[in-house]
Amino acid sequence: MTARDFIASEINKLNDLISKNIDKESNLNLKKELSETLYLINIFDEYQINKKTIDTIIELPSSNTGYSDYRIINDCESDDPDHWLEVSINEEKIRLAEGDIVIRKK
């Protein structure tokens, strides 16, 4: 049995208890936490994120310039900002804000 299977099984047990109104509020909270954990496990699997693959996790600080974005730039192997390109994924430029995190993989 995997952790994912175990959590899914526990969520099913909680659903049964919730439907029977047994400690409903507490079980709803636990179900929410387990659902969040399952969501994170799926992200870890999809992006192959684990202790062995993470180099650092960076939380972007406040820019202290009012509301402004962080942008991801491809420097095109140049120190000249005129040659830099803003990274786009699916034709959408990547904009980050304070508090966002960046996971740097090894």
PDB file of N, CA and C in Angstrom:
ATOM      1  N   MET A   1       0.850  -1.180   0.000  1.00  0.00           N
ATOM      2  CA  MET A   1       0.000   0.000   0.000  1.00  0.00           C
ATOM      3  C   MET A   1       0.895   1.243   0.000  1.00  0.00           C
ATOM      4  N   THR A   2       0.574   2.176  -0.858  1.00  0.00           N
ATOM      5  CA  THR A   2       1.324   3.429  -0.911  1.00  0.00           C
ATOM      6  C   THR A   2       0.726   4.448   0.054  1.00  0.00           C
ATOM      7  N   ALA A   3       1.467   5.511   0.289  1.00  0.00           N
ATOM      8  CA  ALA A   3       0.955   6.603   1.127  1.00  0.00           C
ATOM      9  C   ALA A   3      -0.313   7.179   0.502  1.00  0.00           C
ATOM     10  N   ARG A   4      -0.321   7.297  -0.814  1.00  0.00           N
ATOM     11  CA  ARG A   4      -1.497   7.826  -1.525  1.00  0.00           C
ATOM     12  C   ARG A   4      -2.717   6.923  -1.272  1.00  0.00           C
ATOM     13  N   ASP A   5      -2.515   5.613  -1.359  1.00  0.00           N
ATOM     14  CA  ASP A   5      -3.608   4.663  -1.110  1.00  0.00           C
ATOM     15  C   ASP A   5      -4.100   4.758   0.333  1.00  0.00           C
ATOM     16  N   PHE A   6      -3.154   4.863   1.268  1.00  0.00           N
ATOM     17  CA  PHE A   6      -3.511   4.952   2.677  1.00  0.00           C
ATOM     18  C   PHE A   6      -4.337   6.206   2.953  1.00  0.00           C
ATOM     19  N   ILE A   7      -3.889   7.337   2.427  1.00  0.00           N
ATOM     20  CA  ILE A   7      -4.606   8.594   2.644  1.00  0.00           C
ATOM     21  C   ILE A   7      -5.988   8.532   2.015  1.00  0.00           C
ATOM     22  N   ALA A   8      -6.084   7.997   0.807  1.00  0.00           N
ATOM     23  CA  ALA A   8      -7.388   7.874   0.140  1.00  0.00           C
ATOM     24  C   ALA A   8      -8.323   6.995   0.962  1.00  0.00           C
ATOM     25  N   SER A   9      -7.788   5.919   1.517  1.00  0.00           N
ATOM     26  CA  SER A   9      -8.589   5.030   2.360  1.00  0.00           C
ATOM     27  C   SER A   9      -9.083   5.758   3.612  1.00  0.00           C
ATOM     28  N   GLU A  10      -8.214   6.535   4.228  1.00  0.00           N
ATOM     29  CA  GLU A  10      -8.598   7.296   5.419  1.00  0.00           C
ATOM     30  C   GLU A  10      -9.651   8.354   5.077  1.00  0.00           C
ATOM     31  N   ILE A  11      -9.535   8.971   3.919  1.00  0.00           N
ATOM     32  CA  ILE A  11     -10.539   9.950   3.491  1.00  0.00           C
ATOM     33  C   ILE A  11     -11.890   9.261   3.320  1.00  0.00           C
ATOM     34  N   ASN A  12     -11.893   8.061   2.759  1.00  0.00           N
ATOM     35  CA  ASN A  12     -13.150   7.313   2.612  1.00  0.00           C
ATOM     36  C   ASN A  12     -13.762   6.986   3.972  1.00  0.00           C
ATOM     37  N   LYS A  13     -12.920   6.604   4.941  1.00  0.00           N
ATOM     38  CA  LYS A  13     -13.424   6.328   6.293  1.00  0.00           C
ATOM     39  C   LYS A  13     -14.012   7.589   6.914  1.00  0.00           C
ATOM     40  N   LEU A  14     -13.337   8.707   6.704  1.00  0.00           N
ATOM     41  CA  LEU A  14     -13.843   9.976   7.240  1.00  0.00           C
ATOM     42  C   LEU A  14     -15.165  10.358   6.586  1.00  0.00           C
ATOM     43  N   ASN A  15     -15.282  10.121   5.287  1.00  0.00           N
ATOM     44  CA  ASN A  15     -16.546  10.413   4.599  1.00  0.00           C
ATOM     45  C   ASN A  15     -17.695   9.641   5.225  1.00  0.00           C
ATOM     46  N   ASP A  16     -17.428   8.393   5.579  1.00  0.00           N
ATOM     47  CA  ASP A  16     -18.449   7.571   6.215  1.00  0.00           C
ATOM     48  C   ASP A  16     -18.830   8.148   7.583  1.00  0.00           C
ATOM     49  N   LEU A  17     -17.828   8.531   8.372  1.00  0.00           N
ATOM     50  CA  LEU A  17     -18.098   9.117   9.694  1.00  0.00           C
ATOM     51  C   LEU A  17     -18.848  10.444   9.559  1.00  0.00           C
ATOM     52  N   ILE A  18     -18.465  11.241   8.590  1.00  0.00           N
ATOM     53  CA  ILE A  18     -19.113  12.542   8.365  1.00  0.00           C
ATOM     54  C   ILE A  18     -20.573  12.345   7.984  1.00  0.00           C
ATOM     55  N   SER A  19     -20.817  11.360   7.110  1.00  0.00           N
ATOM     56  CA  SER A  19     -22.204  11.111   6.688  1.00  0.00           C
ATOM     57  C   SER A  19     -23.075  10.633   7.846  1.00  0.00           C
ATOM     58  N   LYS A  20     -22.431  10.047   8.879  1.00  0.00           N
ATOM     59  CA  LYS A  20     -23.171   9.579  10.058  1.00  0.00           C
ATOM     60  C   LYS A  20     -23.172  10.626  11.184  1.00  0.00           C
ATOM     61  N   ASN A  21     -22.673  11.834  10.853  1.00  0.00           N
ATOM     62  CA  ASN A  21     -22.601  12.941  11.822  1.00  0.00           C
ATOM     63  C   ASN A  21     -21.790  12.596  13.070  1.00  0.00           C
ATOM     64  N   ILE A  22     -20.787  11.774  12.931  1.00  0.00           N
ATOM     65  CA  ILE A  22     -19.916  11.420  14.049  1.00  0.00           C
ATOM     66  C   ILE A  22     -18.744  12.399  14.079  1.00  0.00           C
ATOM     67  N   ASP A  23     -18.692  13.212  15.137  1.00  0.00           N
ATOM     68  CA  ASP A  23     -17.627  14.203  15.308  1.00  0.00           C
ATOM     69  C   ASP A  23     -17.382  14.947  13.985  1.00  0.00           C
ATOM     70  N   LYS A  24     -18.470  15.430  13.408  1.00  0.00           N
ATOM     71  CA  LYS A  24     -18.471  15.955  12.042  1.00  0.00           C
ATOM     72  C   LYS A  24     -17.429  17.057  11.803  1.00  0.00           C
ATOM     73  N   GLU A  25     -17.390  18.058  12.671  1.00  0.00           N
ATOM     74  CA  GLU A  25     -16.480  19.189  12.439  1.00  0.00           C
ATOM     75  C   GLU A  25     -15.020  18.739  12.461  1.00  0.00           C
ATOM     76  N   SER A  26     -14.670  17.932  13.444  1.00  0.00           N
ATOM     77  CA  SER A  26     -13.304  17.438  13.555  1.00  0.00           C
ATOM     78  C   SER A  26     -12.932  16.574  12.347  1.00  0.00           C
ATOM     79  N   ASN A  27     -13.850  15.709  11.929  1.00  0.00           N
ATOM     80  CA  ASN A  27     -13.585  14.837  10.784  1.00  0.00           C
ATOM     81  C   ASN A  27     -13.525  15.614   9.474  1.00  0.00           C
ATOM     82  N   LEU A  28     -14.323  16.670   9.355  1.00  0.00           N
ATOM     83  CA  LEU A  28     -14.237  17.515   8.162  1.00  0.00           C
ATOM     84  C   LEU A  28     -12.876  18.205   8.087  1.00  0.00           C
ATOM     85  N   ASN A  29     -12.392  18.678   9.231  1.00  0.00           N
ATOM     86  CA  ASN A  29     -11.074  19.317   9.263  1.00  0.00           C
ATOM     87  C   ASN A  29      -9.966  18.334   8.908  1.00  0.00           C
ATOM     88  N   LEU A  30     -10.045  17.137   9.459  1.00  0.00           N
ATOM     89  CA  LEU A  30      -9.042  16.116   9.159  1.00  0.00           C
ATOM     90  C   LEU A  30      -9.105  15.722   7.687  1.00  0.00           C
ATOM     91  N   LYS A  31     -10.301  15.588   7.156  1.00  0.00           N
ATOM     92  CA  LYS A  31     -10.456  15.257   5.736  1.00  0.00           C
ATOM     93  C   LYS A  31      -9.824  16.342   4.862  1.00  0.00           C
ATOM     94  N   LYS A  32     -10.026  17.598   5.239  1.00  0.00           N
ATOM     95  CA  LYS A  32      -9.442  18.703   4.481  1.00  0.00           C
ATOM     96  C   LYS A  32      -7.917  18.618   4.499  1.00  0.00           C
ATOM     97  N   GLU A  33      -7.339  18.349   5.672  1.00  0.00           N
ATOM     98  CA  GLU A  33      -5.888  18.227   5.782  1.00  0.00           C
ATOM     99  C   GLU A  33      -5.358  17.063   4.954  1.00  0.00           C
ATOM    100  N   LEU A  34      -6.035  15.936   5.021  1.00  0.00           N
ATOM    101  CA  LEU A  34      -5.605  14.772   4.236  1.00  0.00           C
ATOM    102  C   LEU A  34      -5.748  15.023   2.744  1.00  0.00           C
ATOM    103  N   SER A  35      -6.789  15.722   2.335  1.00  0.00           N
ATOM    104  CA  SER A  35      -6.979  16.067   0.915  1.00  0.00           C
ATOM    105  C   SER A  35      -5.862  16.986   0.432  1.00  0.00           C
ATOM    106  N   GLU A  36      -5.467  17.938   1.285  1.00  0.00           N
ATOM    107  CA  GLU A  36      -4.354  18.829   0.944  1.00  0.00           C
ATOM    108  C   GLU A  36      -3.057  18.031   0.814  1.00  0.00           C
ATOM    109  N   THR A  37      -2.855  17.078   1.710  1.00  0.00           N
ATOM    110  CA  THR A  37      -1.663  16.238   1.658  1.00  0.00           C
ATOM    111  C   THR A  37      -1.642  15.421   0.376  1.00  0.00           C
ATOM    112  N   LEU A  38      -2.775  14.867   0.010  1.00  0.00           N
ATOM    113  CA  LEU A  38      -2.876  14.092  -1.226  1.00  0.00           C
ATOM    114  C   LEU A  38      -2.575  14.973  -2.437  1.00  0.00           C
ATOM    115  N   TYR A  39      -3.066  16.210  -2.416  1.00  0.00           N
ATOM    116  CA  TYR A  39      -2.791  17.166  -3.491  1.00  0.00           C
ATOM    117  C   TYR A  39      -1.278  17.400  -3.620  1.00  0.00           C
ATOM    118  N   LEU A  40      -0.601  17.592  -2.478  1.00  0.00           N
ATOM    119  CA  LEU A  40       0.838  17.827  -2.512  1.00  0.00           C
ATOM    120  C   LEU A  40       1.604  16.595  -2.992  1.00  0.00           C
ATOM    121  N   ILE A  41       1.166  15.424  -2.598  1.00  0.00           N
ATOM    122  CA  ILE A  41       1.812  14.195  -3.084  1.00  0.00           C
ATOM    123  C   ILE A  41       1.703  14.124  -4.603  1.00  0.00           C
ATOM    124  N   ASN A  42       0.543  14.479  -5.148  1.00  0.00           N
ATOM    125  CA  ASN A  42       0.378  14.471  -6.603  1.00  0.00           C
ATOM    126  C   ASN A  42       1.316  15.468  -7.286  1.00  0.00           C
ATOM    127  N   ILE A  43       1.499  16.645  -6.673  1.00  0.00           N
ATOM    128  CA  ILE A  43       2.434  17.630  -7.221  1.00  0.00           C
ATOM    129  C   ILE A  43       3.859  17.085  -7.165  1.00  0.00           C
ATOM    130  N   PHE A  44       4.224  16.478  -6.041  1.00  0.00           N
ATOM    131  CA  PHE A  44       5.561  15.910  -5.905  1.00  0.00           C
ATOM    132  C   PHE A  44       5.822  14.881  -7.001  1.00  0.00           C
ATOM    133  N   ASP A  45       4.832  14.035  -7.261  1.00  0.00           N
ATOM    134  CA  ASP A  45       4.989  13.020  -8.301  1.00  0.00           C
ATOM    135  C   ASP A  45       5.067  13.653  -9.689  1.00  0.00           C
ATOM    136  N   GLU A  46       4.178  14.580  -9.966  1.00  0.00           N
ATOM    137  CA  GLU A  46       4.125  15.191 -11.307  1.00  0.00           C
ATOM    138  C   GLU A  46       5.422  15.915 -11.655  1.00  0.00           C
ATOM    139  N   TYR A  47       6.002  16.610 -10.678  1.00  0.00           N
ATOM    140  CA  TYR A  47       7.203  17.400 -10.944  1.00  0.00           C
ATOM    141  C   TYR A  47       8.477  16.756 -10.402  1.00  0.00           C
ATOM    142  N   GLN A  48       8.364  15.522  -9.934  1.00  0.00           N
ATOM    143  CA  GLN A  48       9.496  14.771  -9.388  1.00  0.00           C
ATOM    144  C   GLN A  48      10.242  15.600  -8.336  1.00  0.00           C
ATOM    145  N   ILE A  49       9.461  16.068  -7.353  1.00  0.00           N
ATOM    146  CA  ILE A  49      10.014  16.870  -6.265  1.00  0.00           C
ATOM    147  C   ILE A  49      10.104  15.987  -5.025  1.00  0.00           C
ATOM    148  N   ASN A  50      11.300  15.893  -4.477  1.00  0.00           N
ATOM    149  CA  ASN A  50      11.504  15.167  -3.231  1.00  0.00           C
ATOM    150  C   ASN A  50      12.805  15.640  -2.594  1.00  0.00           C
ATOM    151  N   LYS A  51      13.159  15.076  -1.446  1.00  0.00           N
ATOM    152  CA  LYS A  51      14.370  15.510  -0.744  1.00  0.00           C
ATOM    153  C   LYS A  51      15.615  15.400  -1.616  1.00  0.00           C
ATOM    154  N   LYS A  52      15.655  14.414  -2.492  1.00  0.00           N
ATOM    155  CA  LYS A  52      16.841  14.199  -3.321  1.00  0.00           C
ATOM    156  C   LYS A  52      16.924  15.173  -4.499  1.00  0.00           C
ATOM    157  N   THR A  53      15.790  15.721  -4.924  1.00  0.00           N
ATOM    158  CA  THR A  53      15.805  16.576  -6.117  1.00  0.00           C
ATOM    159  C   THR A  53      15.761  18.067  -5.814  1.00  0.00           C
ATOM    160  N   ILE A  54      15.464  18.446  -4.567  1.00  0.00           N
ATOM    161  CA  ILE A  54      15.375  19.867  -4.223  1.00  0.00           C
ATOM    162  C   ILE A  54      16.734  20.371  -3.762  1.00  0.00           C
ATOM    163  N   ASP A  55      17.196  21.429  -4.412  1.00  0.00           N
ATOM    164  CA  ASP A  55      18.422  22.095  -3.977  1.00  0.00           C
ATOM    165  C   ASP A  55      18.083  23.150  -2.929  1.00  0.00           C
ATOM    166  N   THR A  56      17.175  24.070  -3.270  1.00  0.00           N
ATOM    167  CA  THR A  56      16.733  25.103  -2.338  1.00  0.00           C
ATOM    168  C   THR A  56      15.297  25.508  -2.639  1.00  0.00           C
ATOM    169  N   ILE A  57      14.648  26.017  -1.619  1.00  0.00           N
ATOM    170  CA  ILE A  57      13.323  26.614  -1.784  1.00  0.00           C
ATOM    171  C   ILE A  57      13.463  28.063  -1.353  1.00  0.00           C
ATOM    172  N   ILE A  58      13.111  28.961  -2.246  1.00  0.00           N
ATOM    173  CA  ILE A  58      13.292  30.386  -2.011  1.00  0.00           C
ATOM    174  C   ILE A  58      11.928  31.057  -1.961  1.00  0.00           C
ATOM    175  N   GLU A  59      11.669  31.800  -0.885  1.00  0.00           N
ATOM    176  CA  GLU A  59      10.456  32.616  -0.819  1.00  0.00           C
ATOM    177  C   GLU A  59      10.855  34.029  -1.220  1.00  0.00           C
ATOM    178  N   LEU A  60      10.181  34.559  -2.232  1.00  0.00           N
ATOM    179  CA  LEU A  60      10.539  35.881  -2.727  1.00  0.00           C
ATOM    180  C   LEU A  60      10.201  36.949  -1.695  1.00  0.00           C
ATOM    181  N   PRO A  61      11.158  37.824  -1.418  1.00  0.00           N
ATOM    182  CA  PRO A  61      10.942  38.859  -0.408  1.00  0.00           C
ATOM    183  C   PRO A  61      10.125  40.016  -0.948  1.00  0.00           C
ATOM    184  N   SER A  62       9.732  40.885  -0.049  1.00  0.00           N
ATOM    185  CA  SER A  62       9.062  42.112  -0.451  1.00  0.00           C
ATOM    186  C   SER A  62      10.039  42.949  -1.262  1.00  0.00           C
ATOM    187  N   SER A  63       9.552  43.553  -2.335  1.00  0.00           N
ATOM    188  CA  SER A  63      10.421  44.375  -3.174  1.00  0.00           C
ATOM    189  C   SER A  63      10.597  45.775  -2.599  1.00  0.00           C
ATOM    190  N   ASN A  64       9.749  46.122  -1.641  1.00  0.00           N
ATOM    191  CA  ASN A  64       9.781  47.460  -1.036  1.00  0.00           C
ATOM    192  C   ASN A  64       9.634  48.569  -2.064  1.00  0.00           C
ATOM    193  N   THR A  65       8.947  48.273  -3.167  1.00  0.00           N
ATOM    194  CA  THR A  65       8.744  49.281  -4.210  1.00  0.00           C
ATOM    195  C   THR A  65       7.263  49.449  -4.512  1.00  0.00           C
ATOM    196  N   GLY A  66       6.427  49.115  -3.534  1.00  0.00           N
ATOM    197  CA  GLY A  66       4.998  49.119  -3.813  1.00  0.00           C
ATOM    198  C   GLY A  66       4.657  47.808  -4.475  1.00  0.00           C
ATOM    199  N   TYR A  67       3.613  47.802  -5.280  1.00  0.00           N
ATOM    200  CA  TYR A  67       3.259  46.560  -5.958  1.00  0.00           C
ATOM    201  C   TYR A  67       4.064  46.451  -7.242  1.00  0.00           C
ATOM    202  N   SER A  68       4.943  45.493  -7.272  1.00  0.00           N
ATOM    203  CA  SER A  68       5.700  45.228  -8.493  1.00  0.00           C
ATOM    204  C   SER A  68       5.901  43.728  -8.604  1.00  0.00           C
ATOM    205  N   ASP A  69       6.181  43.267  -9.815  1.00  0.00           N
ATOM    206  CA  ASP A  69       6.351  41.841 -10.088  1.00  0.00           C
ATOM    207  C   ASP A  69       7.821  41.479 -10.181  1.00  0.00           C
ATOM    208  N   TYR A  70       8.092  40.225  -9.890  1.00  0.00           N
ATOM    209  CA  TYR A  70       9.359  39.621 -10.254  1.00  0.00           C
ATOM    210  C   TYR A  70       9.117  38.972 -11.612  1.00  0.00           C
ATOM    211  N   ARG A  71      10.113  38.991 -12.453  1.00  0.00           N
ATOM    212  CA  ARG A  71       9.988  38.380 -13.779  1.00  0.00           C
ATOM    213  C   ARG A  71      11.125  37.380 -13.963  1.00  0.00           C
ATOM    214  N   ILE A  72      10.845  36.355 -14.747  1.00  0.00           N
ATOM    215  CA  ILE A  72      11.873  35.370 -15.059  1.00  0.00           C
ATOM    216  C   ILE A  72      12.439  35.728 -16.426  1.00  0.00           C
ATOM    217  N   ILE A  73      13.748  35.873 -16.452  1.00  0.00           N
ATOM    218  CA  ILE A  73      14.427  36.345 -17.653  1.00  0.00           C
ATOM    219  C   ILE A  73      15.427  35.294 -18.136  1.00  0.00           C
ATOM    220  N   ASN A  74      15.447  35.066 -19.440  1.00  0.00           N
ATOM    221  CA  ASN A  74      16.504  34.283 -20.066  1.00  0.00           C
ATOM    222  C   ASN A  74      17.559  35.302 -20.483  1.00  0.00           C
ATOM    223  N   ASP A  75      18.752  35.203 -19.908  1.00  0.00           N
ATOM    224  CA  ASP A  75      19.770  36.220 -20.194  1.00  0.00           C
ATOM    225  C   ASP A  75      20.473  36.008 -21.535  1.00  0.00           C
ATOM    226  N   CYS A  76      20.139  34.928 -22.231  1.00  0.00           N
ATOM    227  CA  CYS A  76      20.702  34.642 -23.564  1.00  0.00           C
ATOM    228  C   CYS A  76      22.229  34.735 -23.570  1.00  0.00           C
ATOM    229  N   GLU A  77      22.817  34.311 -22.443  1.00  0.00           N
ATOM    230  CA  GLU A  77      24.268  34.312 -22.279  1.00  0.00           C
ATOM    231  C   GLU A  77      24.876  35.686 -22.494  1.00  0.00           C
ATOM    232  N   SER A  78      24.161  36.714 -22.055  1.00  0.00           N
ATOM    233  CA  SER A  78      24.643  38.085 -22.210  1.00  0.00           C
ATOM    234  C   SER A  78      24.421  38.859 -20.916  1.00  0.00           C
ATOM    235  N   ASP A  79      25.338  39.731 -20.595  1.00  0.00           N
ATOM    236  CA  ASP A  79      25.180  40.626 -19.454  1.00  0.00           C
ATOM    237  C   ASP A  79      24.431  41.892 -19.846  1.00  0.00           C
ATOM    238  N   ASP A  80      24.118  42.026 -21.119  1.00  0.00           N
ATOM    239  CA  ASP A  80      23.427  43.216 -21.626  1.00  0.00           C
ATOM    240  C   ASP A  80      21.908  42.996 -21.556  1.00  0.00           C
ATOM    241  N   PRO A  81      21.205  43.745 -20.694  1.00  0.00           N
ATOM    242  CA  PRO A  81      19.751  43.575 -20.572  1.00  0.00           C
ATOM    243  C   PRO A  81      18.987  43.751 -21.881  1.00  0.00           C
ATOM    244  N   ASP A  82      19.559  44.432 -22.847  1.00  0.00           N
ATOM    245  CA  ASP A  82      18.892  44.593 -24.150  1.00  0.00           C
ATOM    246  C   ASP A  82      18.744  43.269 -24.887  1.00  0.00           C
ATOM    247  N   HIS A  83      19.562  42.283 -24.528  1.00  0.00           N
ATOM    248  CA  HIS A  83      19.504  40.973 -25.187  1.00  0.00           C
ATOM    249  C   HIS A  83      18.657  39.958 -24.415  1.00  0.00           C
ATOM    250  N   TRP A  84      18.203  40.336 -23.238  1.00  0.00           N
ATOM    251  CA  TRP A  84      17.454  39.409 -22.400  1.00  0.00           C
ATOM    252  C   TRP A  84      16.032  39.223 -22.924  1.00  0.00           C
ATOM    253  N   LEU A  85      15.494  38.038 -22.687  1.00  0.00           N
ATOM    254  CA  LEU A  85      14.116  37.717 -23.086  1.00  0.00           C
ATOM    255  C   LEU A  85      13.328  37.284 -21.858  1.00  0.00           C
ATOM    256  N   GLU A  86      12.129  37.804 -21.740  1.00  0.00           N
ATOM    257  CA  GLU A  86      11.264  37.380 -20.649  1.00  0.00           C
ATOM    258  C   GLU A  86      10.698  36.007 -20.984  1.00  0.00           C
ATOM    259  N   VAL A  87      10.750  35.094 -20.032  1.00  0.00           N
ATOM    260  CA  VAL A  87      10.302  33.720 -20.241  1.00  0.00           C
ATOM    261  C   VAL A  87       8.776  33.680 -20.333  1.00  0.00           C
ATOM    262  N   SER A  88       8.291  32.950 -21.334  1.00  0.00           N
ATOM    263  CA  SER A  88       6.853  32.721 -21.512  1.00  0.00           C
ATOM    264  C   SER A  88       6.608  31.223 -21.558  1.00  0.00           C
ATOM    265  N   ILE A  89       5.515  30.803 -20.945  1.00  0.00           N
ATOM    266  CA  ILE A  89       5.074  29.413 -21.029  1.00  0.00           C
ATOM    267  C   ILE A  89       3.635  29.452 -21.496  1.00  0.00           C
ATOM    268  N   ASN A  90       3.347  28.704 -22.557  1.00  0.00           N
ATOM    269  CA  ASN A  90       2.018  28.728 -23.186  1.00  0.00           C
ATOM    270  C   ASN A  90       1.619  30.161 -23.541  1.00  0.00           C
ATOM    271  N   GLU A  91       2.579  30.896 -24.083  1.00  0.00           N
ATOM    272  CA  GLU A  91       2.373  32.273 -24.533  1.00  0.00           C
ATOM    273  C   GLU A  91       1.968  33.226 -23.406  1.00  0.00           C
ATOM    274  N   GLU A  92       2.264  32.856 -22.181  1.00  0.00           N
ATOM    275  CA  GLU A  92       1.975  33.716 -21.035  1.00  0.00           C
ATOM    276  C   GLU A  92       3.269  33.971 -20.272  1.00  0.00           C
ATOM    277  N   LYS A  93       3.576  35.258 -20.078  1.00  0.00           N
ATOM    278  CA  LYS A  93       4.790  35.615 -19.356  1.00  0.00           C
ATOM    279  C   LYS A  93       4.634  35.263 -17.878  1.00  0.00           C
ATOM    280  N   ILE A  94       5.719  34.790 -17.298  1.00  0.00           N
ATOM    281  CA  ILE A  94       5.705  34.344 -15.919  1.00  0.00           C
ATOM    282  C   ILE A  94       5.954  35.550 -15.019  1.00  0.00           C
ATOM    283  N   ARG A  95       4.992  35.845 -14.167  1.00  0.00           N
ATOM    284  CA  ARG A  95       5.117  36.948 -13.220  1.00  0.00           C
ATOM    285  C   ARG A  95       4.994  36.377 -11.813  1.00  0.00           C
ATOM    286  N   LEU A  96       5.909  36.750 -10.959  1.00  0.00           N
ATOM    287  CA  LEU A  96       5.896  36.299  -9.575  1.00  0.00           C
ATOM    288  C   LEU A  96       5.763  37.508  -8.663  1.00  0.00           C
ATOM    289  N   ALA A  97       5.285  37.273  -7.452  1.00  0.00           N
ATOM    290  CA  ALA A  97       5.097  38.361  -6.487  1.00  0.00           C
ATOM    291  C   ALA A  97       5.719  37.954  -5.158  1.00  0.00           C
ATOM    292  N   GLU A  98       5.862  38.935  -4.260  1.00  0.00           N
ATOM    293  CA  GLU A  98       6.424  38.632  -2.948  1.00  0.00           C
ATOM    294  C   GLU A  98       5.627  37.516  -2.286  1.00  0.00           C
ATOM    295  N   GLY A  99       6.345  36.637  -1.627  1.00  0.00           N
ATOM    296  CA  GLY A  99       5.713  35.503  -0.960  1.00  0.00           C
ATOM    297  C   GLY A  99       5.614  34.265  -1.832  1.00  0.00           C
ATOM    298  N   ASP A 100       5.712  34.427  -3.156  1.00  0.00           N
ATOM    299  CA  ASP A 100       5.739  33.256  -4.027  1.00  0.00           C
ATOM    300  C   ASP A 100       7.019  32.478  -3.726  1.00  0.00           C
ATOM    301  N   ILE A 101       6.986  31.188  -4.013  1.00  0.00           N
ATOM    302  CA  ILE A 101       8.192  30.405  -3.792  1.00  0.00           C
ATOM    303  C   ILE A 101       8.710  29.876  -5.118  1.00  0.00           C
ATOM    304  N   VAL A 102      10.020  29.690  -5.149  1.00  0.00           N
ATOM    305  CA  VAL A 102      10.694  29.095  -6.287  1.00  0.00           C
ATOM    306  C   VAL A 102      11.427  27.878  -5.746  1.00  0.00           C
ATOM    307  N   ILE A 103      11.207  26.752  -6.388  1.00  0.00           N
ATOM    308  CA  ILE A 103      11.908  25.528  -5.990  1.00  0.00           C
ATOM    309  C   ILE A 103      13.024  25.302  -6.998  1.00  0.00           C
ATOM    310  N   ARG A 104      14.246  25.337  -6.489  1.00  0.00           N
ATOM    311  CA  ARG A 104      15.392  25.102  -7.354  1.00  0.00           C
ATOM    312  C   ARG A 104      15.760  23.638  -7.226  1.00  0.00           C
ATOM    313  N   LYS A 105      15.725  22.942  -8.355  1.00  0.00           N
ATOM    314  CA  LYS A 105      16.044  21.526  -8.344  1.00  0.00           C
ATOM    315  C   LYS A 105      17.543  21.323  -8.571  1.00  0.00           C
ATOM    316  N   LYS A 106      18.031  20.192  -8.086  1.00  0.00           N
ATOM    317  CA  LYS A 106      19.459  19.851  -8.265  1.00  0.00           C
ATOM    318  C   LYS A 106      19.732  19.512  -9.700  1.00  0.00           C
TER     319      LYS A 106
END
